Amino acid sequence: MKLESLALHHGYDSEATTKAAAVPIYQTTSYTFDDTQHGADLFNLAVEGNIYRRNCNLK
């Protein structure tokens, strides 16, 4: 494997079932929260996680 390929895929083990070599892309528009406090903490940016807002793209 070329150095460029090794650098690109370093640290990711392929998925056992499909043997996919790339990190999966989750196509979703909404997320669930553990409870209302978890949701509030996410929207207040007190904890990391996914919410339905564009600020998740800033990481």
PDB file of N, CA and C in Angstrom:
ATOM      1  N   MET A   1       0.845  -1.172   0.000  1.00  0.00           N
ATOM      2  CA  MET A   1       0.000   0.000   0.000  1.00  0.00           C
ATOM      3  C   MET A   1       0.890   1.235   0.000  1.00  0.00           C
ATOM      4  N   LYS A   2       0.529   2.246  -0.793  1.00  0.00           N
ATOM      5  CA  LYS A   2       1.312   3.474  -0.859  1.00  0.00           C
ATOM      6  C   LYS A   2       1.228   4.247   0.452  1.00  0.00           C
ATOM      7  N   LEU A   3       2.240   5.079   0.702  1.00  0.00           N
ATOM      8  CA  LEU A   3       2.289   5.887   1.907  1.00  0.00           C
ATOM      9  C   LEU A   3       1.039   6.762   2.041  1.00  0.00           C
ATOM     10  N   GLU A   4       0.552   7.316   0.927  1.00  0.00           N
ATOM     11  CA  GLU A   4      -0.646   8.159   0.966  1.00  0.00           C
ATOM     12  C   GLU A   4      -1.852   7.368   1.460  1.00  0.00           C
ATOM     13  N   SER A   5      -1.987   6.138   1.013  1.00  0.00           N
ATOM     14  CA  SER A   5      -3.098   5.296   1.436  1.00  0.00           C
ATOM     15  C   SER A   5      -2.974   4.920   2.902  1.00  0.00           C
ATOM     16  N   LEU A   6      -1.764   4.598   3.335  1.00  0.00           N
ATOM     17  CA  LEU A   6      -1.542   4.263   4.735  1.00  0.00           C
ATOM     18  C   LEU A   6      -1.888   5.448   5.636  1.00  0.00           C
ATOM     19  N   ALA A   7      -1.488   6.645   5.216  1.00  0.00           N
ATOM     20  CA  ALA A   7      -1.780   7.842   6.004  1.00  0.00           C
ATOM     21  C   ALA A   7      -3.279   8.104   6.073  1.00  0.00           C
ATOM     22  N   LEU A   8      -3.963   7.875   4.984  1.00  0.00           N
ATOM     23  CA  LEU A   8      -5.396   8.117   4.919  1.00  0.00           C
ATOM     24  C   LEU A   8      -6.180   7.164   5.803  1.00  0.00           C
ATOM     25  N   HIS A   9      -5.793   5.912   5.842  1.00  0.00           N
ATOM     26  CA  HIS A   9      -6.551   4.887   6.554  1.00  0.00           C
ATOM     27  C   HIS A   9      -5.980   4.526   7.930  1.00  0.00           C
ATOM     28  N   HIS A  10      -4.902   5.198   8.345  1.00  0.00           N
ATOM     29  CA  HIS A  10      -4.260   4.873   9.618  1.00  0.00           C
ATOM     30  C   HIS A  10      -5.241   5.020  10.781  1.00  0.00           C
ATOM     31  N   GLY A  11      -5.261   4.036  11.662  1.00  0.00           N
ATOM     32  CA  GLY A  11      -6.081   4.108  12.858  1.00  0.00           C
ATOM     33  C   GLY A  11      -7.499   3.598  12.692  1.00  0.00           C
ATOM     34  N   TYR A  12      -7.881   3.192  11.501  1.00  0.00           N
ATOM     35  CA  TYR A  12      -9.232   2.676  11.276  1.00  0.00           C
ATOM     36  C   TYR A  12      -9.142   1.214  10.876  1.00  0.00           C
ATOM     37  N   ASP A  13      -9.821   0.370  11.626  1.00  0.00           N
ATOM     38  CA  ASP A  13      -9.900  -1.047  11.272  1.00  0.00           C
ATOM     39  C   ASP A  13     -11.159  -1.260  10.455  1.00  0.00           C
ATOM     40  N   SER A  14     -11.063  -2.006   9.399  1.00  0.00           N
ATOM     41  CA  SER A  14     -12.233  -2.214   8.548  1.00  0.00           C
ATOM     42  C   SER A  14     -13.363  -2.863   9.332  1.00  0.00           C
ATOM     43  N   GLU A  15     -14.576  -2.555   8.932  1.00  0.00           N
ATOM     44  CA  GLU A  15     -15.778  -3.085   9.573  1.00  0.00           C
ATOM     45  C   GLU A  15     -15.837  -4.578   9.330  1.00  0.00           C
ATOM     46  N   ALA A  16     -16.118  -5.347  10.369  1.00  0.00           N
ATOM     47  CA  ALA A  16     -16.007  -6.807  10.304  1.00  0.00           C
ATOM     48  C   ALA A  16     -16.959  -7.459   9.303  1.00  0.00           C
ATOM     49  N   THR A  17     -18.174  -6.974   9.191  1.00  0.00           N
ATOM     50  CA  THR A  17     -19.161  -7.619   8.329  1.00  0.00           C
ATOM     51  C   THR A  17     -18.920  -7.345   6.853  1.00  0.00           C
ATOM     52  N   THR A  18     -18.724  -6.059   6.514  1.00  0.00           N
ATOM     53  CA  THR A  18     -18.603  -5.690   5.092  1.00  0.00           C
ATOM     54  C   THR A  18     -17.167  -5.553   4.623  1.00  0.00           C
ATOM     55  N   LYS A  19     -16.220  -5.481   5.566  1.00  0.00           N
ATOM     56  CA  LYS A  19     -14.807  -5.232   5.265  1.00  0.00           C
ATOM     57  C   LYS A  19     -14.584  -3.869   4.609  1.00  0.00           C
ATOM     58  N   ALA A  20     -15.497  -2.911   4.865  1.00  0.00           N
ATOM     59  CA  ALA A  20     -15.363  -1.570   4.306  1.00  0.00           C
ATOM     60  C   ALA A  20     -14.106  -0.911   4.830  1.00  0.00           C
ATOM     61  N   ALA A  21     -13.362  -0.250   3.939  1.00  0.00           N
ATOM     62  CA  ALA A  21     -12.093   0.362   4.311  1.00  0.00           C
ATOM     63  C   ALA A  21     -12.244   1.811   4.744  1.00  0.00           C
ATOM     64  N   ALA A  22     -13.418   2.393   4.583  1.00  0.00           N
ATOM     65  CA  ALA A  22     -13.636   3.795   4.937  1.00  0.00           C
ATOM     66  C   ALA A  22     -14.582   3.905   6.130  1.00  0.00           C
ATOM     67  N   VAL A  23     -14.417   4.991   6.876  1.00  0.00           N
ATOM     68  CA  VAL A  23     -15.309   5.271   7.990  1.00  0.00           C
ATOM     69  C   VAL A  23     -16.718   5.480   7.439  1.00  0.00           C
ATOM     70  N   PRO A  24     -17.746   4.892   8.063  1.00  0.00           N
ATOM     71  CA  PRO A  24     -19.103   5.024   7.530  1.00  0.00           C
ATOM     72  C   PRO A  24     -19.632   6.451   7.642  1.00  0.00           C
ATOM     73  N   ILE A  25     -20.512   6.802   6.721  1.00  0.00           N
ATOM     74  CA  ILE A  25     -21.208   8.086   6.726  1.00  0.00           C
ATOM     75  C   ILE A  25     -22.640   7.810   7.157  1.00  0.00           C
ATOM     76  N   TYR A  26     -23.074   8.480   8.219  1.00  0.00           N
ATOM     77  CA  TYR A  26     -24.440   8.293   8.707  1.00  0.00           C
ATOM     78  C   TYR A  26     -25.311   9.411   8.152  1.00  0.00           C
ATOM     79  N   GLN A  27     -26.219   9.076   7.269  1.00  0.00           N
ATOM     80  CA  GLN A  27     -27.108  10.056   6.663  1.00  0.00           C
ATOM     81  C   GLN A  27     -28.360  10.178   7.518  1.00  0.00           C
ATOM     82  N   THR A  28     -28.335  11.116   8.446  1.00  0.00           N
ATOM     83  CA  THR A  28     -29.471  11.313   9.332  1.00  0.00           C
ATOM     84  C   THR A  28     -29.745  12.799   9.487  1.00  0.00           C
ATOM     85  N   THR A  29     -30.963  13.130   9.843  1.00  0.00           N
ATOM     86  CA  THR A  29     -31.328  14.526  10.061  1.00  0.00           C
ATOM     87  C   THR A  29     -31.719  14.793  11.498  1.00  0.00           C
ATOM     88  N   SER A  30     -31.762  13.752  12.317  1.00  0.00           N
ATOM     89  CA  SER A  30     -32.149  13.958  13.706  1.00  0.00           C
ATOM     90  C   SER A  30     -31.433  12.959  14.603  1.00  0.00           C
ATOM     91  N   TYR A  31     -31.387  13.303  15.881  1.00  0.00           N
ATOM     92  CA  TYR A  31     -30.705  12.480  16.872  1.00  0.00           C
ATOM     93  C   TYR A  31     -31.599  12.325  18.096  1.00  0.00           C
ATOM     94  N   THR A  32     -31.335  11.318  18.892  1.00  0.00           N
ATOM     95  CA  THR A  32     -32.075  11.136  20.134  1.00  0.00           C
ATOM     96  C   THR A  32     -31.185  11.532  21.305  1.00  0.00           C
ATOM     97  N   PHE A  33     -31.815  11.845  22.422  1.00  0.00           N
ATOM     98  CA  PHE A  33     -31.104  12.230  23.632  1.00  0.00           C
ATOM     99  C   PHE A  33     -31.428  11.234  24.730  1.00  0.00           C
ATOM    100  N   ASP A  34     -30.511  11.070  25.673  1.00  0.00           N
ATOM    101  CA  ASP A  34     -30.738  10.154  26.789  1.00  0.00           C
ATOM    102  C   ASP A  34     -31.919  10.616  27.643  1.00  0.00           C
ATOM    103  N   ASP A  35     -31.996  11.922  27.864  1.00  0.00           N
ATOM    104  CA  ASP A  35     -33.093  12.532  28.629  1.00  0.00           C
ATOM    105  C   ASP A  35     -33.070  14.029  28.333  1.00  0.00           C
ATOM    106  N   THR A  36     -33.976  14.805  28.961  1.00  0.00           N
ATOM    107  CA  THR A  36     -34.039  16.237  28.666  1.00  0.00           C
ATOM    108  C   THR A  36     -32.774  16.970  29.094  1.00  0.00           C
ATOM    109  N   GLN A  37     -32.160  16.536  30.190  1.00  0.00           N
ATOM    110  CA  GLN A  37     -30.920  17.184  30.634  1.00  0.00           C
ATOM    111  C   GLN A  37     -29.802  16.961  29.626  1.00  0.00           C
ATOM    112  N   HIS A  38     -29.712  15.758  29.088  1.00  0.00           N
ATOM    113  CA  HIS A  38     -28.711  15.457  28.062  1.00  0.00           C
ATOM    114  C   HIS A  38     -28.921  16.359  26.852  1.00  0.00           C
ATOM    115  N   GLY A  39     -30.162  16.505  26.410  1.00  0.00           N
ATOM    116  CA  GLY A  39     -30.462  17.392  25.283  1.00  0.00           C
ATOM    117  C   GLY A  39     -30.077  18.829  25.579  1.00  0.00           C
ATOM    118  N   ALA A  40     -30.409  19.308  26.777  1.00  0.00           N
ATOM    119  CA  ALA A  40     -30.061  20.673  27.168  1.00  0.00           C
ATOM    120  C   ALA A  40     -28.548  20.863  27.192  1.00  0.00           C
ATOM    121  N   ASP A  41     -27.828  19.896  27.735  1.00  0.00           N
ATOM    122  CA  ASP A  41     -26.367  19.985  27.787  1.00  0.00           C
ATOM    123  C   ASP A  41     -25.759  20.030  26.393  1.00  0.00           C
ATOM    124  N   LEU A  42     -26.312  19.260  25.470  1.00  0.00           N
ATOM    125  CA  LEU A  42     -25.809  19.274  24.094  1.00  0.00           C
ATOM    126  C   LEU A  42     -26.040  20.632  23.441  1.00  0.00           C
ATOM    127  N   PHE A  43     -27.245  21.186  23.577  1.00  0.00           N
ATOM    128  CA  PHE A  43     -27.553  22.469  22.946  1.00  0.00           C
ATOM    129  C   PHE A  43     -26.811  23.625  23.606  1.00  0.00           C
ATOM    130  N   ASN A  44     -26.444  23.475  24.877  1.00  0.00           N
ATOM    131  CA  ASN A  44     -25.646  24.499  25.559  1.00  0.00           C
ATOM    132  C   ASN A  44     -24.149  24.297  25.346  1.00  0.00           C
ATOM    133  N   LEU A  45     -23.801  23.270  24.567  1.00  0.00           N
ATOM    134  CA  LEU A  45     -22.415  22.921  24.260  1.00  0.00           C
ATOM    135  C   LEU A  45     -21.612  22.581  25.521  1.00  0.00           C
ATOM    136  N   ALA A  46     -22.310  22.074  26.543  1.00  0.00           N
ATOM    137  CA  ALA A  46     -21.656  21.662  27.777  1.00  0.00           C
ATOM    138  C   ALA A  46     -21.017  20.275  27.631  1.00  0.00           C
ATOM    139  N   VAL A  47     -21.544  19.472  26.716  1.00  0.00           N
ATOM    140  CA  VAL A  47     -20.988  18.152  26.420  1.00  0.00           C
ATOM    141  C   VAL A  47     -20.903  17.997  24.908  1.00  0.00           C
ATOM    142  N   GLU A  48     -20.003  17.142  24.455  1.00  0.00           N
ATOM    143  CA  GLU A  48     -19.888  16.888  23.020  1.00  0.00           C
ATOM    144  C   GLU A  48     -20.929  15.880  22.583  1.00  0.00           C
ATOM    145  N   GLY A  49     -21.399  16.040  21.372  1.00  0.00           N
ATOM    146  CA  GLY A  49     -22.354  15.108  20.807  1.00  0.00           C
ATOM    147  C   GLY A  49     -23.019  15.719  19.599  1.00  0.00           C
ATOM    148  N   ASN A  50     -23.899  14.967  18.989  1.00  0.00           N
ATOM    149  CA  ASN A  50     -24.574  15.417  17.780  1.00  0.00           C
ATOM    150  C   ASN A  50     -25.957  15.961  18.099  1.00  0.00           C
ATOM    151  N   ILE A  51     -26.249  17.107  17.495  1.00  0.00           N
ATOM    152  CA  ILE A  51     -27.568  17.717  17.599  1.00  0.00           C
ATOM    153  C   ILE A  51     -27.956  18.209  16.217  1.00  0.00           C
ATOM    154  N   TYR A  52     -29.192  18.537  16.046  1.00  0.00           N
ATOM    155  CA  TYR A  52     -29.681  18.988  14.740  1.00  0.00           C
ATOM    156  C   TYR A  52     -29.390  20.469  14.568  1.00  0.00           C
ATOM    157  N   ARG A  53     -28.116  20.801  14.371  1.00  0.00           N
ATOM    158  CA  ARG A  53     -27.696  22.181  14.142  1.00  0.00           C
ATOM    159  C   ARG A  53     -26.410  22.167  13.333  1.00  0.00           C
ATOM    160  N   ARG A  54     -26.163  23.235  12.618  1.00  0.00           N
ATOM    161  CA  ARG A  54     -24.962  23.335  11.787  1.00  0.00           C
ATOM    162  C   ARG A  54     -23.683  23.478  12.588  1.00  0.00           C
ATOM    163  N   ASN A  55     -23.767  23.869  13.877  1.00  0.00           N
ATOM    164  CA  ASN A  55     -22.525  24.070  14.629  1.00  0.00           C
ATOM    165  C   ASN A  55     -21.784  22.748  14.848  1.00  0.00           C
ATOM    166  N   CYS A  56     -22.407  21.620  14.590  1.00  0.00           N
ATOM    167  CA  CYS A  56     -21.692  20.345  14.681  1.00  0.00           C
ATOM    168  C   CYS A  56     -20.656  20.229  13.560  1.00  0.00           C
ATOM    169  N   ASN A  57     -20.812  21.011  12.488  1.00  0.00           N
ATOM    170  CA  ASN A  57     -19.885  20.964  11.370  1.00  0.00           C
ATOM    171  C   ASN A  57     -18.600  21.738  11.633  1.00  0.00           C
ATOM    172  N   LEU A  58     -18.533  22.432  12.753  1.00  0.00           N
ATOM    173  CA  LEU A  58     -17.387  23.295  13.023  1.00  0.00           C
ATOM    174  C   LEU A  58     -16.235  22.569  13.691  1.00  0.00           C
ATOM    175  N   LYS A  59     -16.382  21.310  14.016  1.00  0.00           N
ATOM    176  CA  LYS A  59     -15.351  20.569  14.733  1.00  0.00           C
ATOM    177  C   LYS A  59     -14.128  20.365  13.885  1.00  0.00           C
TER     178      LYS A  59
END
